[in-house]
């Protein structure tokens, strides 16, 4: 169970870091040279009607997201679908790791109680 907990923790960290660096790169690309405003994450892969009227963007590292805001206040995700699975996967893997660590502690406590002559 300890190996499974460590593997789940490493996997959670790997998935989260993938999303973290994606948000970081989108943030770095904004305002960096010609054709970088609005943020490329808000423009690339979207039709012109969606991109029309962009005013700014908001990014977050917990939970992972990169939102593009239009002048009328409406918002769309700068990476549709990407951050949703990353947030869900990293959270579920971290929860699994925590539950496995709790299970390891419970199993060792149970073994200690079943051992004859164990001090109470």
PDB file of N, CA and C in Angstrom:
ATOM      1  N   UNK A   1       0.827  -1.198   0.000  1.00  0.00           N
ATOM      2  CA  UNK A   1       0.000   0.000   0.000  1.00  0.00           C
ATOM      3  C   UNK A   1       0.868   1.257   0.000  1.00  0.00           C
ATOM      4  N   UNK A   2       2.044   1.156   0.608  1.00  0.00           N
ATOM      5  CA  UNK A   2       2.927   2.336   0.614  1.00  0.00           C
ATOM      6  C   UNK A   2       3.387   2.682  -0.801  1.00  0.00           C
ATOM      7  N   UNK A   3       3.700   1.672  -1.578  1.00  0.00           N
ATOM      8  CA  UNK A   3       4.126   1.920  -2.964  1.00  0.00           C
ATOM      9  C   UNK A   3       2.986   2.516  -3.784  1.00  0.00           C
ATOM     10  N   UNK A   4       1.790   2.002  -3.563  1.00  0.00           N
ATOM     11  CA  UNK A   4       0.627   2.542  -4.280  1.00  0.00           C
ATOM     12  C   UNK A   4       0.378   3.986  -3.888  1.00  0.00           C
ATOM     13  N   UNK A   5       0.542   4.301  -2.599  1.00  0.00           N
ATOM     14  CA  UNK A   5       0.367   5.684  -2.138  1.00  0.00           C
ATOM     15  C   UNK A   5       1.419   6.600  -2.769  1.00  0.00           C
ATOM     16  N   UNK A   6       2.664   6.131  -2.799  1.00  0.00           N
ATOM     17  CA  UNK A   6       3.733   6.944  -3.403  1.00  0.00           C
ATOM     18  C   UNK A   6       3.494   7.134  -4.894  1.00  0.00           C
ATOM     19  N   UNK A   7       3.057   6.073  -5.568  1.00  0.00           N
ATOM     20  CA  UNK A   7       2.785   6.169  -7.004  1.00  0.00           C
ATOM     21  C   UNK A   7       1.640   7.135  -7.277  1.00  0.00           C
ATOM     22  N   UNK A   8       0.580   7.064  -6.484  1.00  0.00           N
ATOM     23  CA  UNK A   8      -0.554   7.983  -6.663  1.00  0.00           C
ATOM     24  C   UNK A   8      -0.131   9.427  -6.393  1.00  0.00           C
ATOM     25  N   UNK A   9       0.706   9.631  -5.379  1.00  0.00           N
ATOM     26  CA  UNK A   9       1.181  10.987  -5.077  1.00  0.00           C
ATOM     27  C   UNK A   9       2.042  11.530  -6.214  1.00  0.00           C
ATOM     28  N   UNK A  10       2.941  10.698  -6.738  1.00  0.00           N
ATOM     29  CA  UNK A  10       3.775  11.127  -7.862  1.00  0.00           C
ATOM     30  C   UNK A  10       2.937  11.416  -9.101  1.00  0.00           C
ATOM     31  N   UNK A  11       1.935  10.581  -9.352  1.00  0.00           N
ATOM     32  CA  UNK A  11       1.067  10.802 -10.511  1.00  0.00           C
ATOM     33  C   UNK A  11       0.266  12.093 -10.355  1.00  0.00           C
ATOM     34  N   UNK A  12      -0.212  12.370  -9.150  1.00  0.00           N
ATOM     35  CA  UNK A  12      -0.944  13.621  -8.903  1.00  0.00           C
ATOM     36  C   UNK A  12      -0.038  14.820  -9.150  1.00  0.00           C
ATOM     37  N   UNK A  13       1.192  14.729  -8.662  1.00  0.00           N
ATOM     38  CA  UNK A  13       2.145  15.819  -8.871  1.00  0.00           C
ATOM     39  C   UNK A  13       2.477  15.993 -10.356  1.00  0.00           C
ATOM     40  N   UNK A  14       2.599  14.897 -11.088  1.00  0.00           N
ATOM     41  CA  UNK A  14       2.924  14.973 -12.512  1.00  0.00           C
ATOM     42  C   UNK A  14       1.792  15.611 -13.309  1.00  0.00           C
ATOM     43  N   UNK A  15       0.560  15.195 -13.038  1.00  0.00           N
ATOM     44  CA  UNK A  15      -0.584  15.764 -13.765  1.00  0.00           C
ATOM     45  C   UNK A  15      -0.745  17.236 -13.423  1.00  0.00           C
ATOM     46  N   UNK A  16      -0.617  17.578 -12.131  1.00  0.00           N
ATOM     47  CA  UNK A  16      -0.751  18.976 -11.738  1.00  0.00           C
ATOM     48  C   UNK A  16       0.352  19.831 -12.354  1.00  0.00           C
ATOM     49  N   UNK A  17       1.579  19.329 -12.371  1.00  0.00           N
ATOM     50  CA  UNK A  17       2.673  20.126 -12.944  1.00  0.00           C
ATOM     51  C   UNK A  17       2.492  20.323 -14.444  1.00  0.00           C
ATOM     52  N   UNK A  18       1.902  19.348 -15.117  1.00  0.00           N
ATOM     53  CA  UNK A  18       1.597  19.509 -16.544  1.00  0.00           C
ATOM     54  C   UNK A  18       0.659  20.701 -16.753  1.00  0.00           C
ATOM     55  N   UNK A  19      -0.390  20.764 -15.968  1.00  0.00           N
ATOM     56  CA  UNK A  19      -1.329  21.887 -16.063  1.00  0.00           C
ATOM     57  C   UNK A  19      -0.724  23.195 -15.581  1.00  0.00           C
ATOM     58  N   UNK A  20       0.073  23.132 -14.511  1.00  0.00           N
ATOM     59  CA  UNK A  20       0.714  24.330 -13.975  1.00  0.00           C
ATOM     60  C   UNK A  20       1.589  24.990 -15.030  1.00  0.00           C
ATOM     61  N   UNK A  21       2.402  24.186 -15.697  1.00  0.00           N
ATOM     62  CA  UNK A  21       3.291  24.759 -16.706  1.00  0.00           C
ATOM     63  C   UNK A  21       2.536  25.200 -17.955  1.00  0.00           C
ATOM     64  N   UNK A  22       1.395  24.583 -18.238  1.00  0.00           N
ATOM     65  CA  UNK A  22       0.563  25.043 -19.354  1.00  0.00           C
ATOM     66  C   UNK A  22      -0.001  26.430 -19.060  1.00  0.00           C
ATOM     67  N   UNK A  23      -0.507  26.630 -17.853  1.00  0.00           N
ATOM     68  CA  UNK A  23      -1.006  27.961 -17.466  1.00  0.00           C
ATOM     69  C   UNK A  23       0.149  28.961 -17.446  1.00  0.00           C
ATOM     70  N   UNK A  24       1.293  28.559 -16.915  1.00  0.00           N
ATOM     71  CA  UNK A  24       2.456  29.436 -16.853  1.00  0.00           C
ATOM     72  C   UNK A  24       2.917  29.858 -18.242  1.00  0.00           C
ATOM     73  N   UNK A  25       2.948  28.928 -19.178  1.00  0.00           N
ATOM     74  CA  UNK A  25       3.365  29.264 -20.539  1.00  0.00           C
ATOM     75  C   UNK A  25       2.356  30.183 -21.223  1.00  0.00           C
ATOM     76  N   UNK A  26       1.073  29.970 -20.967  1.00  0.00           N
ATOM     77  CA  UNK A  26       0.055  30.861 -21.533  1.00  0.00           C
ATOM     78  C   UNK A  26       0.208  32.261 -20.960  1.00  0.00           C
ATOM     79  N   UNK A  27       0.531  32.345 -19.686  1.00  0.00           N
ATOM     80  CA  UNK A  27       0.732  33.641 -19.038  1.00  0.00           C
ATOM     81  C   UNK A  27       2.005  34.314 -19.569  1.00  0.00           C
ATOM     82  N   UNK A  28       3.056  33.541 -19.802  1.00  0.00           N
ATOM     83  CA  UNK A  28       4.307  34.092 -20.317  1.00  0.00           C
ATOM     84  C   UNK A  28       4.176  34.581 -21.756  1.00  0.00           C
ATOM     85  N   UNK A  29       3.346  33.899 -22.548  1.00  0.00           N
ATOM     86  CA  UNK A  29       3.192  34.279 -23.952  1.00  0.00           C
ATOM     87  C   UNK A  29       2.457  35.611 -24.100  1.00  0.00           C
ATOM     88  N   UNK A  30       1.703  36.001 -23.088  1.00  0.00           N
ATOM     89  CA  UNK A  30       0.954  37.250 -23.142  1.00  0.00           C
ATOM     90  C   UNK A  30       1.913  38.437 -23.034  1.00  0.00           C
ATOM     91  N   UNK A  31       1.836  39.345 -23.985  1.00  0.00           N
ATOM     92  CA  UNK A  31       2.643  40.561 -23.957  1.00  0.00           C
ATOM     93  C   UNK A  31       4.102  40.342 -24.277  1.00  0.00           C
ATOM     94  N   UNK A  32       4.460  39.216 -24.842  1.00  0.00           N
ATOM     95  CA  UNK A  32       5.856  38.909 -25.128  1.00  0.00           C
ATOM     96  C   UNK A  32       6.088  38.952 -26.635  1.00  0.00           C
ATOM     97  N   UNK A  33       6.303  40.137 -27.153  1.00  0.00           N
ATOM     98  CA  UNK A  33       6.594  40.289 -28.568  1.00  0.00           C
ATOM     99  C   UNK A  33       5.372  40.631 -29.400  1.00  0.00           C
ATOM    100  N   UNK A  34       5.568  40.650 -30.704  1.00  0.00           N
ATOM    101  CA  UNK A  34       4.498  40.991 -31.636  1.00  0.00           C
ATOM    102  C   UNK A  34       3.429  39.901 -31.642  1.00  0.00           C
ATOM    103  N   UNK A  35       2.212  40.313 -31.847  1.00  0.00           N
ATOM    104  CA  UNK A  35       1.062  39.407 -31.950  1.00  0.00           C
ATOM    105  C   UNK A  35       0.891  38.548 -30.696  1.00  0.00           C
ATOM    106  N   UNK A  36       1.056  39.173 -29.521  1.00  0.00           N
ATOM    107  CA  UNK A  36       0.896  38.425 -28.279  1.00  0.00           C
ATOM    108  C   UNK A  36      -0.225  38.981 -27.400  1.00  0.00           C
ATOM    109  N   UNK A  37      -0.937  39.987 -27.905  1.00  0.00           N
ATOM    110  CA  UNK A  37      -2.071  40.549 -27.170  1.00  0.00           C
ATOM    111  C   UNK A  37      -3.275  40.477 -28.081  1.00  0.00           C
ATOM    112  N   UNK A  38      -4.369  39.890 -27.728  1.00  0.00           N
ATOM    113  CA  UNK A  38      -4.640  39.162 -26.492  1.00  0.00           C
ATOM    114  C   UNK A  38      -3.827  37.882 -26.412  1.00  0.00           C
ATOM    115  N   UNK A  39      -3.874  37.249 -25.270  1.00  0.00           N
ATOM    116  CA  UNK A  39      -3.063  36.044 -25.033  1.00  0.00           C
ATOM    117  C   UNK A  39      -3.308  35.004 -26.119  1.00  0.00           C
ATOM    118  N   UNK A  40      -2.244  34.394 -26.638  1.00  0.00           N
ATOM    119  CA  UNK A  40      -2.416  33.370 -27.672  1.00  0.00           C
ATOM    120  C   UNK A  40      -3.340  32.229 -27.251  1.00  0.00           C
ATOM    121  N   UNK A  41      -3.389  31.917 -25.969  1.00  0.00           N
ATOM    122  CA  UNK A  41      -4.282  30.842 -25.503  1.00  0.00           C
ATOM    123  C   UNK A  41      -5.745  31.225 -25.700  1.00  0.00           C
ATOM    124  N   UNK A  42      -6.028  32.518 -25.771  1.00  0.00           N
ATOM    125  CA  UNK A  42      -7.403  32.979 -25.993  1.00  0.00           C
ATOM    126  C   UNK A  42      -7.735  33.075 -27.483  1.00  0.00           C
ATOM    127  N   UNK A  43      -6.724  33.065 -28.341  1.00  0.00           N
ATOM    128  CA  UNK A  43      -6.954  33.214 -29.777  1.00  0.00           C
ATOM    129  C   UNK A  43      -6.779  31.935 -30.558  1.00  0.00           C
ATOM    130  N   UNK A  44      -5.746  31.183 -30.253  1.00  0.00           N
ATOM    131  CA  UNK A  44      -5.378  30.014 -31.056  1.00  0.00           C
ATOM    132  C   UNK A  44      -6.443  28.929 -30.975  1.00  0.00           C
ATOM    133  N   UNK A  45      -6.933  28.528 -32.128  1.00  0.00           N
ATOM    134  CA  UNK A  45      -7.905  27.455 -32.205  1.00  0.00           C
ATOM    135  C   UNK A  45      -9.356  27.878 -32.030  1.00  0.00           C
ATOM    136  N   UNK A  46      -9.609  29.161 -31.902  1.00  0.00           N
ATOM    137  CA  UNK A  46     -10.973  29.655 -31.748  1.00  0.00           C
ATOM    138  C   UNK A  46     -11.396  30.409 -32.999  1.00  0.00           C
ATOM    139  N   UNK A  47     -12.695  30.357 -33.300  1.00  0.00           N
ATOM    140  CA  UNK A  47     -13.177  31.080 -34.478  1.00  0.00           C
ATOM    141  C   UNK A  47     -13.205  32.582 -34.181  1.00  0.00           C
ATOM    142  N   UNK A  48     -13.182  33.422 -35.225  1.00  0.00           N
ATOM    143  CA  UNK A  48     -13.120  34.874 -35.027  1.00  0.00           C
ATOM    144  C   UNK A  48     -14.296  35.435 -34.221  1.00  0.00           C
ATOM    145  N   UNK A  49     -15.473  34.833 -34.312  1.00  0.00           N
ATOM    146  CA  UNK A  49     -16.608  35.329 -33.541  1.00  0.00           C
ATOM    147  C   UNK A  49     -16.397  35.131 -32.049  1.00  0.00           C
ATOM    148  N   UNK A  50     -15.747  34.061 -31.670  1.00  0.00           N
ATOM    149  CA  UNK A  50     -15.471  33.807 -30.254  1.00  0.00           C
ATOM    150  C   UNK A  50     -14.444  34.793 -29.722  1.00  0.00           C
ATOM    151  N   UNK A  51     -13.432  35.089 -30.513  1.00  0.00           N
ATOM    152  CA  UNK A  51     -12.331  35.941 -30.079  1.00  0.00           C
ATOM    153  C   UNK A  51     -12.703  37.425 -30.102  1.00  0.00           C
ATOM    154  N   UNK A  52     -13.698  37.793 -30.908  1.00  0.00           N
ATOM    155  CA  UNK A  52     -14.068  39.193 -31.054  1.00  0.00           C
ATOM    156  C   UNK A  52     -14.439  39.818 -29.710  1.00  0.00           C
ATOM    157  N   UNK A  53     -13.881  40.959 -29.400  1.00  0.00           N
ATOM    158  CA  UNK A  53     -14.216  41.711 -28.199  1.00  0.00           C
ATOM    159  C   UNK A  53     -13.481  41.291 -26.943  1.00  0.00           C
ATOM    160  N   UNK A  54     -12.337  40.633 -27.078  1.00  0.00           N
ATOM    161  CA  UNK A  54     -11.574  40.249 -25.884  1.00  0.00           C
ATOM    162  C   UNK A  54     -11.038  41.484 -25.179  1.00  0.00           C
ATOM    163  N   UNK A  55     -11.142  41.508 -23.866  1.00  0.00           N
ATOM    164  CA  UNK A  55     -10.604  42.637 -23.122  1.00  0.00           C
ATOM    165  C   UNK A  55      -9.394  42.243 -22.278  1.00  0.00           C
ATOM    166  N   UNK A  56      -9.447  41.082 -21.637  1.00  0.00           N
ATOM    167  CA  UNK A  56      -8.330  40.626 -20.812  1.00  0.00           C
ATOM    168  C   UNK A  56      -8.495  39.135 -20.510  1.00  0.00           C
ATOM    169  N   UNK A  57      -7.599  38.612 -19.695  1.00  0.00           N
ATOM    170  CA  UNK A  57      -7.685  37.211 -19.287  1.00  0.00           C
ATOM    171  C   UNK A  57      -7.441  37.110 -17.779  1.00  0.00           C
ATOM    172  N   UNK A  58      -7.861  35.979 -17.216  1.00  0.00           N
ATOM    173  CA  UNK A  58      -7.600  35.671 -15.809  1.00  0.00           C
ATOM    174  C   UNK A  58      -7.015  34.272 -15.761  1.00  0.00           C
ATOM    175  N   UNK A  59      -5.984  34.106 -14.960  1.00  0.00           N
ATOM    176  CA  UNK A  59      -5.409  32.771 -14.817  1.00  0.00           C
ATOM    177  C   UNK A  59      -5.404  32.390 -13.343  1.00  0.00           C
ATOM    178  N   UNK A  60      -5.418  31.092 -13.099  1.00  0.00           N
ATOM    179  CA  UNK A  60      -5.404  30.577 -11.739  1.00  0.00           C
ATOM    180  C   UNK A  60      -4.591  29.289 -11.725  1.00  0.00           C
ATOM    181  N   UNK A  61      -3.823  29.113 -10.660  1.00  0.00           N
ATOM    182  CA  UNK A  61      -3.025  27.904 -10.525  1.00  0.00           C
ATOM    183  C   UNK A  61      -3.665  26.884  -9.591  1.00  0.00           C
ATOM    184  N   UNK A  62      -4.653  27.294  -8.815  1.00  0.00           N
ATOM    185  CA  UNK A  62      -5.371  26.371  -7.947  1.00  0.00           C
ATOM    186  C   UNK A  62      -6.800  26.821  -7.839  1.00  0.00           C
ATOM    187  N   UNK A  63      -7.744  26.279  -8.529  1.00  0.00           N
ATOM    188  CA  UNK A  63      -7.611  25.220  -9.521  1.00  0.00           C
ATOM    189  C   UNK A  63      -6.995  25.779 -10.810  1.00  0.00           C
ATOM    190  N   UNK A  64      -6.493  24.892 -11.614  1.00  0.00           N
ATOM    191  CA  UNK A  64      -5.873  25.281 -12.874  1.00  0.00           C
ATOM    192  C   UNK A  64      -6.932  25.830 -13.823  1.00  0.00           C
ATOM    193  N   UNK A  65      -6.686  27.028 -14.362  1.00  0.00           N
ATOM    194  CA  UNK A  65      -7.594  27.551 -15.388  1.00  0.00           C
ATOM    195  C   UNK A  65      -6.970  28.788 -16.034  1.00  0.00           C
ATOM    196  N   UNK A  66      -7.410  29.036 -17.256  1.00  0.00           N
ATOM    197  CA  UNK A  66      -7.005  30.216 -18.006  1.00  0.00           C
ATOM    198  C   UNK A  66      -8.254  30.722 -18.706  1.00  0.00           C
ATOM    199  N   UNK A  67      -8.868  31.757 -18.155  1.00  0.00           N
ATOM    200  CA  UNK A  67     -10.132  32.281 -18.665  1.00  0.00           C
ATOM    201  C   UNK A  67      -9.899  33.525 -19.503  1.00  0.00           C
ATOM    202  N   UNK A  68     -10.622  33.623 -20.603  1.00  0.00           N
ATOM    203  CA  UNK A  68     -10.562  34.771 -21.496  1.00  0.00           C
ATOM    204  C   UNK A  68     -11.852  35.566 -21.303  1.00  0.00           C
ATOM    205  N   UNK A  69     -11.718  36.867 -21.070  1.00  0.00           N
ATOM    206  CA  UNK A  69     -12.871  37.712 -20.749  1.00  0.00           C
ATOM    207  C   UNK A  69     -13.108  38.685 -21.891  1.00  0.00           C
ATOM    208  N   UNK A  70     -14.366  38.740 -22.350  1.00  0.00           N
ATOM    209  CA  UNK A  70     -14.756  39.686 -23.395  1.00  0.00           C
ATOM    210  C   UNK A  70     -15.185  41.007 -22.757  1.00  0.00           C
ATOM    211  N   UNK A  71     -15.336  42.031 -23.594  1.00  0.00           N
ATOM    212  CA  UNK A  71     -15.737  43.352 -23.106  1.00  0.00           C
ATOM    213  C   UNK A  71     -17.117  43.346 -22.474  1.00  0.00           C
ATOM    214  N   UNK A  72     -17.999  42.441 -22.918  1.00  0.00           N
ATOM    215  CA  UNK A  72     -19.349  42.380 -22.346  1.00  0.00           C
ATOM    216  C   UNK A  72     -19.400  41.595 -21.039  1.00  0.00           C
ATOM    217  N   UNK A  73     -18.259  41.080 -20.579  1.00  0.00           N
ATOM    218  CA  UNK A  73     -18.199  40.358 -19.316  1.00  0.00           C
ATOM    219  C   UNK A  73     -18.316  38.851 -19.445  1.00  0.00           C
ATOM    220  N   UNK A  74     -18.626  38.346 -20.641  1.00  0.00           N
ATOM    221  CA  UNK A  74     -18.718  36.901 -20.808  1.00  0.00           C
ATOM    222  C   UNK A  74     -17.316  36.292 -20.810  1.00  0.00           C
ATOM    223  N   UNK A  75     -17.239  35.038 -20.411  1.00  0.00           N
ATOM    224  CA  UNK A  75     -15.958  34.362 -20.223  1.00  0.00           C
ATOM    225  C   UNK A  75     -15.969  33.030 -20.968  1.00  0.00           C
ATOM    226  N   UNK A  76     -14.835  32.678 -21.553  1.00  0.00           N
ATOM    227  CA  UNK A  76     -14.650  31.331 -22.097  1.00  0.00           C
ATOM    228  C   UNK A  76     -13.262  30.840 -21.726  1.00  0.00           C
ATOM    229  N   UNK A  77     -13.128  29.527 -21.669  1.00  0.00           N
ATOM    230  CA  UNK A  77     -11.878  28.920 -21.242  1.00  0.00           C
ATOM    231  C   UNK A  77     -10.838  28.999 -22.352  1.00  0.00           C
ATOM    232  N   UNK A  78      -9.619  29.357 -21.985  1.00  0.00           N
ATOM    233  CA  UNK A  78      -8.541  29.471 -22.956  1.00  0.00           C
ATOM    234  C   UNK A  78      -8.026  28.131 -23.446  1.00  0.00           C
ATOM    235  N   UNK A  79      -8.322  27.081 -22.744  1.00  0.00           N
ATOM    236  CA  UNK A  79      -7.926  25.736 -23.162  1.00  0.00           C
ATOM    237  C   UNK A  79      -9.102  24.813 -22.885  1.00  0.00           C
ATOM    238  N   UNK A  80     -10.065  24.776 -23.792  1.00  0.00           N
ATOM    239  CA  UNK A  80     -11.286  24.029 -23.510  1.00  0.00           C
ATOM    240  C   UNK A  80     -11.023  22.541 -23.263  1.00  0.00           C
ATOM    241  N   UNK A  81     -11.491  22.065 -22.132  1.00  0.00           N
ATOM    242  CA  UNK A  81     -11.377  20.658 -21.804  1.00  0.00           C
ATOM    243  C   UNK A  81     -10.073  20.235 -21.151  1.00  0.00           C
ATOM    244  N   UNK A  82      -8.998  20.967 -21.374  1.00  0.00           N
ATOM    245  CA  UNK A  82      -7.699  20.553 -20.843  1.00  0.00           C
ATOM    246  C   UNK A  82      -7.633  20.635 -19.325  1.00  0.00           C
ATOM    247  N   UNK A  83      -8.001  21.747 -18.761  1.00  0.00           N
ATOM    248  CA  UNK A  83      -7.828  21.952 -17.327  1.00  0.00           C
ATOM    249  C   UNK A  83      -8.828  21.164 -16.501  1.00  0.00           C
ATOM    250  N   UNK A  84      -9.983  20.864 -17.052  1.00  0.00           N
ATOM    251  CA  UNK A  84     -10.983  20.103 -16.306  1.00  0.00           C
ATOM    252  C   UNK A  84     -10.486  18.717 -15.933  1.00  0.00           C
ATOM    253  N   UNK A  85      -9.937  18.015 -16.900  1.00  0.00           N
ATOM    254  CA  UNK A  85      -9.456  16.668 -16.586  1.00  0.00           C
ATOM    255  C   UNK A  85      -8.212  16.712 -15.727  1.00  0.00           C
ATOM    256  N   UNK A  86      -7.371  17.747 -15.903  1.00  0.00           N
ATOM    257  CA  UNK A  86      -6.166  17.851 -15.079  1.00  0.00           C
ATOM    258  C   UNK A  86      -6.522  18.105 -13.619  1.00  0.00           C
ATOM    259  N   UNK A  87      -7.490  19.003 -13.386  1.00  0.00           N
ATOM    260  CA  UNK A  87      -7.927  19.273 -12.022  1.00  0.00           C
ATOM    261  C   UNK A  87      -8.536  18.031 -11.391  1.00  0.00           C
ATOM    262  N   UNK A  88      -9.400  17.353 -12.138  1.00  0.00           N
ATOM    263  CA  UNK A  88     -10.060  16.160 -11.599  1.00  0.00           C
ATOM    264  C   UNK A  88      -9.061  15.036 -11.349  1.00  0.00           C
ATOM    265  N   UNK A  89      -8.158  14.815 -12.278  1.00  0.00           N
ATOM    266  CA  UNK A  89      -7.189  13.727 -12.125  1.00  0.00           C
ATOM    267  C   UNK A  89      -6.230  13.984 -10.972  1.00  0.00           C
ATOM    268  N   UNK A  90      -5.707  15.201 -10.869  1.00  0.00           N
ATOM    269  CA  UNK A  90      -4.762  15.474  -9.784  1.00  0.00           C
ATOM    270  C   UNK A  90      -5.457  15.430  -8.426  1.00  0.00           C
ATOM    271  N   UNK A  91      -6.692  15.905  -8.340  1.00  0.00           N
ATOM    272  CA  UNK A  91      -7.415  15.849  -7.069  1.00  0.00           C
ATOM    273  C   UNK A  91      -7.739  14.415  -6.679  1.00  0.00           C
ATOM    274  N   UNK A  92      -8.199  13.611  -7.629  1.00  0.00           N
ATOM    275  CA  UNK A  92      -8.547  12.228  -7.285  1.00  0.00           C
ATOM    276  C   UNK A  92      -7.307  11.402  -6.962  1.00  0.00           C
ATOM    277  N   UNK A  93      -6.215  11.643  -7.652  1.00  0.00           N
ATOM    278  CA  UNK A  93      -4.982  10.929  -7.334  1.00  0.00           C
ATOM    279  C   UNK A  93      -4.431  11.340  -5.971  1.00  0.00           C
ATOM    280  N   UNK A  94      -4.503  12.624  -5.635  1.00  0.00           N
ATOM    281  CA  UNK A  94      -4.053  13.079  -4.322  1.00  0.00           C
ATOM    282  C   UNK A  94      -4.930  12.501  -3.214  1.00  0.00           C
ATOM    283  N   UNK A  95      -6.242  12.463  -3.446  1.00  0.00           N
ATOM    284  CA  UNK A  95      -7.146  11.866  -2.471  1.00  0.00           C
ATOM    285  C   UNK A  95      -6.862  10.375  -2.310  1.00  0.00           C
ATOM    286  N   UNK A  96      -6.611   9.690  -3.403  1.00  0.00           N
ATOM    287  CA  UNK A  96      -6.268   8.266  -3.333  1.00  0.00           C
ATOM    288  C   UNK A  96      -4.991   8.044  -2.540  1.00  0.00           C
ATOM    289  N   UNK A  97      -4.001   8.884  -2.769  1.00  0.00           N
ATOM    290  CA  UNK A  97      -2.746   8.762  -2.025  1.00  0.00           C
ATOM    291  C   UNK A  97      -2.978   8.982  -0.530  1.00  0.00           C
ATOM    292  N   UNK A  98      -3.784   9.975  -0.195  1.00  0.00           N
ATOM    293  CA  UNK A  98      -4.073  10.238   1.220  1.00  0.00           C
ATOM    294  C   UNK A  98      -4.814   9.070   1.855  1.00  0.00           C
ATOM    295  N   UNK A  99      -5.789   8.517   1.155  1.00  0.00           N
ATOM    296  CA  UNK A  99      -6.528   7.375   1.689  1.00  0.00           C
ATOM    297  C   UNK A  99      -5.637   6.153   1.843  1.00  0.00           C
ATOM    298  N   UNK A 100      -4.713   5.954   0.927  1.00  0.00           N
ATOM    299  CA  UNK A 100      -3.786   4.833   1.043  1.00  0.00           C
ATOM    300  C   UNK A 100      -2.841   5.015   2.227  1.00  0.00           C
ATOM    301  N   UNK A 101      -2.393   6.230   2.466  1.00  0.00           N
ATOM    302  CA  UNK A 101      -1.538   6.496   3.626  1.00  0.00           C
ATOM    303  C   UNK A 101      -2.313   6.236   4.918  1.00  0.00           C
ATOM    304  N   UNK A 102      -3.565   6.657   4.959  1.00  0.00           N
ATOM    305  CA  UNK A 102      -4.402   6.377   6.128  1.00  0.00           C
ATOM    306  C   UNK A 102      -4.593   4.872   6.291  1.00  0.00           C
ATOM    307  N   UNK A 103      -4.790   4.165   5.192  1.00  0.00           N
ATOM    308  CA  UNK A 103      -4.931   2.714   5.228  1.00  0.00           C
ATOM    309  C   UNK A 103      -3.684   2.022   5.741  1.00  0.00           C
ATOM    310  N   UNK A 104      -2.511   2.527   5.367  1.00  0.00           N
ATOM    311  CA  UNK A 104      -1.253   1.964   5.855  1.00  0.00           C
ATOM    312  C   UNK A 104      -1.177   2.126   7.368  1.00  0.00           C
ATOM    313  N   UNK A 105      -1.522   3.304   7.847  1.00  0.00           N
ATOM    314  CA  UNK A 105      -1.506   3.540   9.291  1.00  0.00           C
ATOM    315  C   UNK A 105      -2.501   2.657  10.025  1.00  0.00           C
ATOM    316  N   UNK A 106      -3.674   2.508   9.457  1.00  0.00           N
ATOM    317  CA  UNK A 106      -4.696   1.658  10.070  1.00  0.00           C
ATOM    318  C   UNK A 106      -4.258   0.206  10.089  1.00  0.00           C
ATOM    319  N   UNK A 107      -3.680  -0.281   8.999  1.00  0.00           N
ATOM    320  CA  UNK A 107      -3.232  -1.674   8.923  1.00  0.00           C
ATOM    321  C   UNK A 107      -2.120  -1.947   9.929  1.00  0.00           C
ATOM    322  N   UNK A 108      -1.173  -1.027  10.080  1.00  0.00           N
ATOM    323  CA  UNK A 108      -0.089  -1.246  11.045  1.00  0.00           C
ATOM    324  C   UNK A 108      -0.628  -1.192  12.473  1.00  0.00           C
ATOM    325  N   UNK A 109      -1.591  -0.326  12.729  1.00  0.00           N
ATOM    326  CA  UNK A 109      -2.219  -0.278  14.058  1.00  0.00           C
ATOM    327  C   UNK A 109      -2.975  -1.577  14.334  1.00  0.00           C
ATOM    328  N   UNK A 110      -3.667  -2.097  13.360  1.00  0.00           N
ATOM    329  CA  UNK A 110      -4.410  -3.347  13.515  1.00  0.00           C
ATOM    330  C   UNK A 110      -3.455  -4.509  13.776  1.00  0.00           C
ATOM    331  N   UNK A 111      -2.332  -4.552  13.055  1.00  0.00           N
ATOM    332  CA  UNK A 111      -1.335  -5.599  13.279  1.00  0.00           C
ATOM    333  C   UNK A 111      -0.751  -5.502  14.687  1.00  0.00           C
ATOM    334  N   UNK A 112      -0.495  -4.280  15.145  1.00  0.00           N
ATOM    335  CA  UNK A 112       0.073  -4.093  16.479  1.00  0.00           C
ATOM    336  C   UNK A 112      -0.912  -4.554  17.555  1.00  0.00           C
ATOM    337  N   UNK A 113      -2.178  -4.342  17.356  1.00  0.00           N
ATOM    338  CA  UNK A 113      -3.171  -4.764  18.351  1.00  0.00           C
ATOM    339  C   UNK A 113      -3.346  -6.269  18.376  1.00  0.00           C
ATOM    340  N   UNK A 114      -3.151  -6.928  17.222  1.00  0.00           N
ATOM    341  CA  UNK A 114      -3.315  -8.378  17.151  1.00  0.00           C
ATOM    342  C   UNK A 114      -2.092  -9.136  17.646  1.00  0.00           C
ATOM    343  N   UNK A 115      -0.956  -8.472  17.738  1.00  0.00           N
ATOM    344  CA  UNK A 115       0.272  -9.113  18.176  1.00  0.00           C
ATOM    345  C   UNK A 115       0.146  -9.446  19.662  1.00  0.00           C
ATOM    346  N   UNK A 116       0.397 -10.731  20.033  1.00  0.00           N
ATOM    347  CA  UNK A 116       0.315 -11.074  21.445  1.00  0.00           C
ATOM    348  C   UNK A 116       1.411 -10.373  22.253  1.00  0.00           C
ATOM    349  N   UNK A 117       1.036  -9.919  23.419  1.00  0.00           N
ATOM    350  CA  UNK A 117       1.989  -9.256  24.301  1.00  0.00           C
ATOM    351  C   UNK A 117       2.244  -7.818  23.943  1.00  0.00           C
ATOM    352  N   UNK A 118       1.432  -7.242  23.059  1.00  0.00           N
ATOM    353  CA  UNK A 118       1.621  -5.839  22.682  1.00  0.00           C
ATOM    354  C   UNK A 118       1.199  -4.944  23.844  1.00  0.00           C
ATOM    355  N   UNK A 119       1.972  -3.927  24.092  1.00  0.00           N
ATOM    356  CA  UNK A 119       1.683  -2.998  25.195  1.00  0.00           C
ATOM    357  C   UNK A 119       0.475  -2.154  24.830  1.00  0.00           C
ATOM    358  N   UNK A 120      -0.396  -1.935  25.787  1.00  0.00           N
ATOM    359  CA  UNK A 120      -1.586  -1.135  25.534  1.00  0.00           C
ATOM    360  C   UNK A 120      -1.433   0.249  26.064  1.00  0.00           C
TER     361      UNK A 120
END
